[in-house]
């Protein structure tokens, strides 16, 4: 929707119009018609992202990925990109893949398989790391503990050891 001016956009956003909330958040993030204000961008985009707006999730993920106005958090960015991708938001698939590759590239191969708070991960072997990259193994938090799951088309199954080298998972 086109707005006459930023004032109308703010008014519609304050009235709860989702498109206006998202556009206003993006305006504050990128300086479209207003001075850049990362706090306002975060507030508006988070409000819309919580209500399942894919565009808001994509741009909020961008803020987390690059640490714009907030602490850099690639796992939160990944989660937001994943939600945006489920909404079929243009650009979300590339953002999701790029971010996941950055995360996996930083995982060291140490010969032991560990997962800790905030998804501090080490890989036991190259094959396990490659399965992480392909999204076949997914780190996920459940019951206040991070775990690995094998992902397939039917369901996700929790794993207790590396399916390739048999290394047991150590929780830190």
C-alpha atoms as a PDB file:
ATOM      1  CA  UNK A   1       0.000   0.000   0.000  1.00  0.00           C
ATOM      2  CA  UNK A   2       1.202   3.494  -0.773  1.00  0.00           C
ATOM      3  CA  UNK A   3       0.991   6.164   1.896  1.00  0.00           C
ATOM      4  CA  UNK A   4       0.792   9.902   1.228  1.00  0.00           C
ATOM      5  CA  UNK A   5       3.609  10.599   3.632  1.00  0.00           C
ATOM      6  CA  UNK A   6       5.450   9.215   6.627  1.00  0.00           C
ATOM      7  CA  UNK A   7       2.854  10.737   8.942  1.00  0.00           C
ATOM      8  CA  UNK A   8       0.070   8.677   7.384  1.00  0.00           C
ATOM      9  CA  UNK A   9       2.257   5.564   7.560  1.00  0.00           C
ATOM     10  CA  UNK A  10       2.913   6.172  11.278  1.00  0.00           C
ATOM     11  CA  UNK A  11      -0.783   6.723  11.919  1.00  0.00           C
ATOM     12  CA  UNK A  12      -1.754   3.484  10.143  1.00  0.00           C
ATOM     13  CA  UNK A  13       1.016   1.617  11.969  1.00  0.00           C
ATOM     14  CA  UNK A  14      -0.205   2.955  15.317  1.00  0.00           C
ATOM     15  CA  UNK A  15      -3.684   1.740  14.363  1.00  0.00           C
ATOM     16  CA  UNK A  16      -2.227  -1.746  13.897  1.00  0.00           C
ATOM     17  CA  UNK A  17      -2.188  -1.994  10.104  1.00  0.00           C
ATOM     18  CA  UNK A  18       0.379  -4.746   9.479  1.00  0.00           C
ATOM     19  CA  UNK A  19       1.710  -3.454   6.153  1.00  0.00           C
ATOM     20  CA  UNK A  20       2.250  -0.005   7.643  1.00  0.00           C
ATOM     21  CA  UNK A  21       4.059  -1.484  10.659  1.00  0.00           C
ATOM     22  CA  UNK A  22       6.429  -3.415   8.390  1.00  0.00           C
ATOM     23  CA  UNK A  23       7.027  -0.503   6.013  1.00  0.00           C
ATOM     24  CA  UNK A  24       7.661   1.848   8.919  1.00  0.00           C
ATOM     25  CA  UNK A  25      10.133  -0.609  10.454  1.00  0.00           C
ATOM     26  CA  UNK A  26      11.956  -0.895   7.142  1.00  0.00           C
ATOM     27  CA  UNK A  27      11.907   2.888   6.765  1.00  0.00           C
ATOM     28  CA  UNK A  28      13.624   3.292  10.123  1.00  0.00           C
ATOM     29  CA  UNK A  29      16.083   0.492   9.329  1.00  0.00           C
ATOM     30  CA  UNK A  30      17.185   1.812   5.936  1.00  0.00           C
ATOM     31  CA  UNK A  31      16.392   5.533   6.260  1.00  0.00           C
ATOM     32  CA  UNK A  32      13.535   5.636   3.745  1.00  0.00           C
ATOM     33  CA  UNK A  33      11.905   9.038   4.318  1.00  0.00           C
ATOM     34  CA  UNK A  34      13.027   9.188   7.957  1.00  0.00           C
ATOM     35  CA  UNK A  35      16.289   9.333   9.824  1.00  0.00           C
ATOM     36  CA  UNK A  36      17.715   5.889  10.571  1.00  0.00           C
ATOM     37  CA  UNK A  37      16.564   4.756  14.003  1.00  0.00           C
ATOM     38  CA  UNK A  38      17.505   1.166  14.830  1.00  0.00           C
ATOM     39  CA  UNK A  39      15.498   1.105  18.055  1.00  0.00           C
ATOM     40  CA  UNK A  40      12.294   2.054  16.224  1.00  0.00           C
ATOM     41  CA  UNK A  41      13.150  -0.350  13.389  1.00  0.00           C
ATOM     42  CA  UNK A  42      13.596  -3.181  15.878  1.00  0.00           C
ATOM     43  CA  UNK A  43      10.382  -2.379  17.754  1.00  0.00           C
ATOM     44  CA  UNK A  44       8.254  -2.207  14.583  1.00  0.00           C
ATOM     45  CA  UNK A  45       9.790  -5.209  12.863  1.00  0.00           C
ATOM     46  CA  UNK A  46       9.670  -7.355  15.987  1.00  0.00           C
ATOM     47  CA  UNK A  47       6.001  -6.465  16.477  1.00  0.00           C
ATOM     48  CA  UNK A  48       5.185  -7.604  12.928  1.00  0.00           C
ATOM     49  CA  UNK A  49       7.500 -10.642  13.060  1.00  0.00           C
ATOM     50  CA  UNK A  50       5.754 -11.926  16.178  1.00  0.00           C
ATOM     51  CA  UNK A  51       2.508 -11.724  14.213  1.00  0.00           C
ATOM     52  CA  UNK A  52       4.042 -13.913  11.487  1.00  0.00           C
ATOM     53  CA  UNK A  53       4.816 -11.338   8.843  1.00  0.00           C
ATOM     54  CA  UNK A  54       7.463 -12.897   6.583  1.00  0.00           C
ATOM     55  CA  UNK A  55       8.873  -9.573   5.382  1.00  0.00           C
ATOM     56  CA  UNK A  56       9.339  -8.375   8.970  1.00  0.00           C
ATOM     57  CA  UNK A  57      11.002 -11.679   9.904  1.00  0.00           C
ATOM     58  CA  UNK A  58      13.401 -11.311   6.974  1.00  0.00           C
ATOM     59  CA  UNK A  59      14.468  -7.763   7.872  1.00  0.00           C
ATOM     60  CA  UNK A  60      14.634  -8.457  11.604  1.00  0.00           C
ATOM     61  CA  UNK A  61      16.824 -11.461  10.763  1.00  0.00           C
ATOM     62  CA  UNK A  62      19.048  -9.105   8.778  1.00  0.00           C
ATOM     63  CA  UNK A  63      19.435  -6.923  11.873  1.00  0.00           C
ATOM     64  CA  UNK A  64      20.455  -9.956  13.955  1.00  0.00           C
ATOM     65  CA  UNK A  65      22.740 -11.366  11.268  1.00  0.00           C
ATOM     66  CA  UNK A  66      24.735  -8.143  10.984  1.00  0.00           C
ATOM     67  CA  UNK A  67      24.375  -6.841  14.545  1.00  0.00           C
ATOM     68  CA  UNK A  68      22.558  -3.705  13.410  1.00  0.00           C
ATOM     69  CA  UNK A  69      21.278  -1.913  16.497  1.00  0.00           C
ATOM     70  CA  UNK A  70      21.335  -5.169  18.477  1.00  0.00           C
ATOM     71  CA  UNK A  71      23.840  -7.835  19.441  1.00  0.00           C
ATOM     72  CA  UNK A  72      24.840 -10.013  16.487  1.00  0.00           C
ATOM     73  CA  UNK A  73      23.193 -13.437  16.812  1.00  0.00           C
ATOM     74  CA  UNK A  74      23.403 -15.747  13.808  1.00  0.00           C
ATOM     75  CA  UNK A  75      21.185 -18.411  15.394  1.00  0.00           C
ATOM     76  CA  UNK A  76      18.350 -15.929  15.949  1.00  0.00           C
ATOM     77  CA  UNK A  77      18.836 -14.639  12.401  1.00  0.00           C
ATOM     78  CA  UNK A  78      18.667 -18.210  11.125  1.00  0.00           C
ATOM     79  CA  UNK A  79      15.456 -18.855  13.060  1.00  0.00           C
ATOM     80  CA  UNK A  80      13.854 -15.704  11.668  1.00  0.00           C
ATOM     81  CA  UNK A  81      14.974 -16.518   8.119  1.00  0.00           C
ATOM     82  CA  UNK A  82      13.560 -20.026   8.510  1.00  0.00           C
ATOM     83  CA  UNK A  83      10.192 -18.620   9.584  1.00  0.00           C
ATOM     84  CA  UNK A  84      10.268 -16.111   6.721  1.00  0.00           C
ATOM     85  CA  UNK A  85      11.082 -18.899   4.262  1.00  0.00           C
ATOM     86  CA  UNK A  86       8.054 -20.866   5.459  1.00  0.00           C
ATOM     87  CA  UNK A  87       5.972 -17.795   4.566  1.00  0.00           C
ATOM     88  CA  UNK A  88       7.512 -17.918   1.041  1.00  0.00           C
ATOM     89  CA  UNK A  89       9.007 -14.437   1.409  1.00  0.00           C
ATOM     90  CA  UNK A  90      11.183 -13.467  -1.569  1.00  0.00           C
ATOM     91  CA  UNK A  91      14.861 -13.358  -0.575  1.00  0.00           C
ATOM     92  CA  UNK A  92      14.433 -15.521   2.513  1.00  0.00           C
ATOM     93  CA  UNK A  93      15.802 -18.720   0.976  1.00  0.00           C
ATOM     94  CA  UNK A  94      19.095 -17.061   0.036  1.00  0.00           C
ATOM     95  CA  UNK A  95      19.385 -15.365   3.443  1.00  0.00           C
ATOM     96  CA  UNK A  96      18.701 -18.688   5.168  1.00  0.00           C
ATOM     97  CA  UNK A  97      21.315 -20.570   3.155  1.00  0.00           C
ATOM     98  CA  UNK A  98      23.960 -17.864   3.418  1.00  0.00           C
ATOM     99  CA  UNK A  99      23.563 -17.565   7.189  1.00  0.00           C
ATOM    100  CA  UNK A 100      23.612 -21.303   7.727  1.00  0.00           C
ATOM    101  CA  UNK A 101      26.814 -21.589   5.686  1.00  0.00           C
ATOM    102  CA  UNK A 102      28.458 -18.918   7.850  1.00  0.00           C
ATOM    103  CA  UNK A 103      27.461 -20.807  10.997  1.00  0.00           C
ATOM    104  CA  UNK A 104      28.650 -24.186   9.725  1.00  0.00           C
ATOM    105  CA  UNK A 105      31.932 -22.766   8.412  1.00  0.00           C
ATOM    106  CA  UNK A 106      32.759 -21.638  11.964  1.00  0.00           C
ATOM    107  CA  UNK A 107      32.207 -25.107  13.481  1.00  0.00           C
ATOM    108  CA  UNK A 108      35.595 -26.725  14.167  1.00  0.00           C
ATOM    109  CA  UNK A 109      36.257 -30.413  13.544  1.00  0.00           C
ATOM    110  CA  UNK A 110      37.821 -31.582  16.803  1.00  0.00           C
ATOM    111  CA  UNK A 111      37.236 -35.324  16.849  1.00  0.00           C
ATOM    112  CA  UNK A 112      34.527 -34.912  19.486  1.00  0.00           C
ATOM    113  CA  UNK A 113      30.888 -34.014  18.986  1.00  0.00           C
ATOM    114  CA  UNK A 114      29.704 -31.349  21.416  1.00  0.00           C
ATOM    115  CA  UNK A 115      26.725 -29.053  21.713  1.00  0.00           C
ATOM    116  CA  UNK A 116      26.277 -26.454  24.420  1.00  0.00           C
ATOM    117  CA  UNK A 117      24.338 -23.369  25.345  1.00  0.00           C
ATOM    118  CA  UNK A 118      23.749 -20.948  22.498  1.00  0.00           C
ATOM    119  CA  UNK A 119      24.605 -23.784  20.104  1.00  0.00           C
ATOM    120  CA  UNK A 120      28.330 -23.884  20.758  1.00  0.00           C
ATOM    121  CA  UNK A 121      29.130 -26.855  18.514  1.00  0.00           C
ATOM    122  CA  UNK A 122      32.173 -28.890  17.597  1.00  0.00           C
ATOM    123  CA  UNK A 123      32.027 -31.611  14.962  1.00  0.00           C
ATOM    124  CA  UNK A 124      33.600 -35.009  15.266  1.00  0.00           C
ATOM    125  CA  UNK A 125      34.076 -35.594  11.541  1.00  0.00           C
ATOM    126  CA  UNK A 126      33.781 -33.878   8.168  1.00  0.00           C
ATOM    127  CA  UNK A 127      30.731 -35.967   7.188  1.00  0.00           C
ATOM    128  CA  UNK A 128      28.775 -34.760  10.245  1.00  0.00           C
ATOM    129  CA  UNK A 129      29.701 -31.146   9.451  1.00  0.00           C
ATOM    130  CA  UNK A 130      28.548 -31.631   5.853  1.00  0.00           C
ATOM    131  CA  UNK A 131      25.203 -33.012   7.067  1.00  0.00           C
ATOM    132  CA  UNK A 132      24.824 -29.877   9.184  1.00  0.00           C
ATOM    133  CA  UNK A 133      25.521 -27.762   6.099  1.00  0.00           C
ATOM    134  CA  UNK A 134      22.922 -29.654   4.058  1.00  0.00           C
ATOM    135  CA  UNK A 135      20.332 -29.322   6.826  1.00  0.00           C
ATOM    136  CA  UNK A 136      20.117 -33.097   7.309  1.00  0.00           C
ATOM    137  CA  UNK A 137      21.292 -32.702  10.921  1.00  0.00           C
ATOM    138  CA  UNK A 138      19.621 -29.869  12.779  1.00  0.00           C
ATOM    139  CA  UNK A 139      20.673 -28.386  16.126  1.00  0.00           C
ATOM    140  CA  UNK A 140      17.543 -27.582  18.113  1.00  0.00           C
ATOM    141  CA  UNK A 141      16.731 -26.581  21.687  1.00  0.00           C
ATOM    142  CA  UNK A 142      14.139 -28.667  23.506  1.00  0.00           C
ATOM    143  CA  UNK A 143      13.427 -29.017  27.221  1.00  0.00           C
ATOM    144  CA  UNK A 144      16.067 -26.343  27.946  1.00  0.00           C
ATOM    145  CA  UNK A 145      18.827 -28.398  26.352  1.00  0.00           C
ATOM    146  CA  UNK A 146      20.309 -28.228  22.869  1.00  0.00           C
ATOM    147  CA  UNK A 147      20.253 -31.456  20.880  1.00  0.00           C
ATOM    148  CA  UNK A 148      20.870 -32.708  17.357  1.00  0.00           C
ATOM    149  CA  UNK A 149      18.150 -34.154  15.181  1.00  0.00           C
ATOM    150  CA  UNK A 150      18.297 -36.045  11.907  1.00  0.00           C
ATOM    151  CA  UNK A 151      15.824 -34.356   9.587  1.00  0.00           C
ATOM    152  CA  UNK A 152      13.922 -36.270   6.953  1.00  0.00           C
ATOM    153  CA  UNK A 153      10.653 -35.848   5.106  1.00  0.00           C
ATOM    154  CA  UNK A 154       8.599 -37.725   7.703  1.00  0.00           C
ATOM    155  CA  UNK A 155       9.912 -36.518  11.050  1.00  0.00           C
ATOM    156  CA  UNK A 156      12.897 -35.281  13.002  1.00  0.00           C
ATOM    157  CA  UNK A 157      14.615 -37.898  15.177  1.00  0.00           C
ATOM    158  CA  UNK A 158      16.868 -37.002  18.104  1.00  0.00           C
ATOM    159  CA  UNK A 159      20.319 -38.524  17.806  1.00  0.00           C
ATOM    160  CA  UNK A 160      22.677 -39.511  20.615  1.00  0.00           C
ATOM    161  CA  UNK A 161      25.781 -40.182  18.541  1.00  0.00           C
ATOM    162  CA  UNK A 162      27.269 -39.347  15.175  1.00  0.00           C
ATOM    163  CA  UNK A 163      25.662 -41.591  12.550  1.00  0.00           C
ATOM    164  CA  UNK A 164      28.981 -41.709  10.649  1.00  0.00           C
ATOM    165  CA  UNK A 165      31.770 -42.261  13.169  1.00  0.00           C
ATOM    166  CA  UNK A 166      29.758 -43.261  16.264  1.00  0.00           C
ATOM    167  CA  UNK A 167      31.127 -40.462  18.452  1.00  0.00           C
ATOM    168  CA  UNK A 168      28.813 -39.818  21.421  1.00  0.00           C
ATOM    169  CA  UNK A 169      27.304 -36.371  21.800  1.00  0.00           C
ATOM    170  CA  UNK A 170      28.649 -34.397  24.750  1.00  0.00           C
ATOM    171  CA  UNK A 171      26.380 -31.702  26.215  1.00  0.00           C
ATOM    172  CA  UNK A 172      28.299 -28.753  27.648  1.00  0.00           C
END
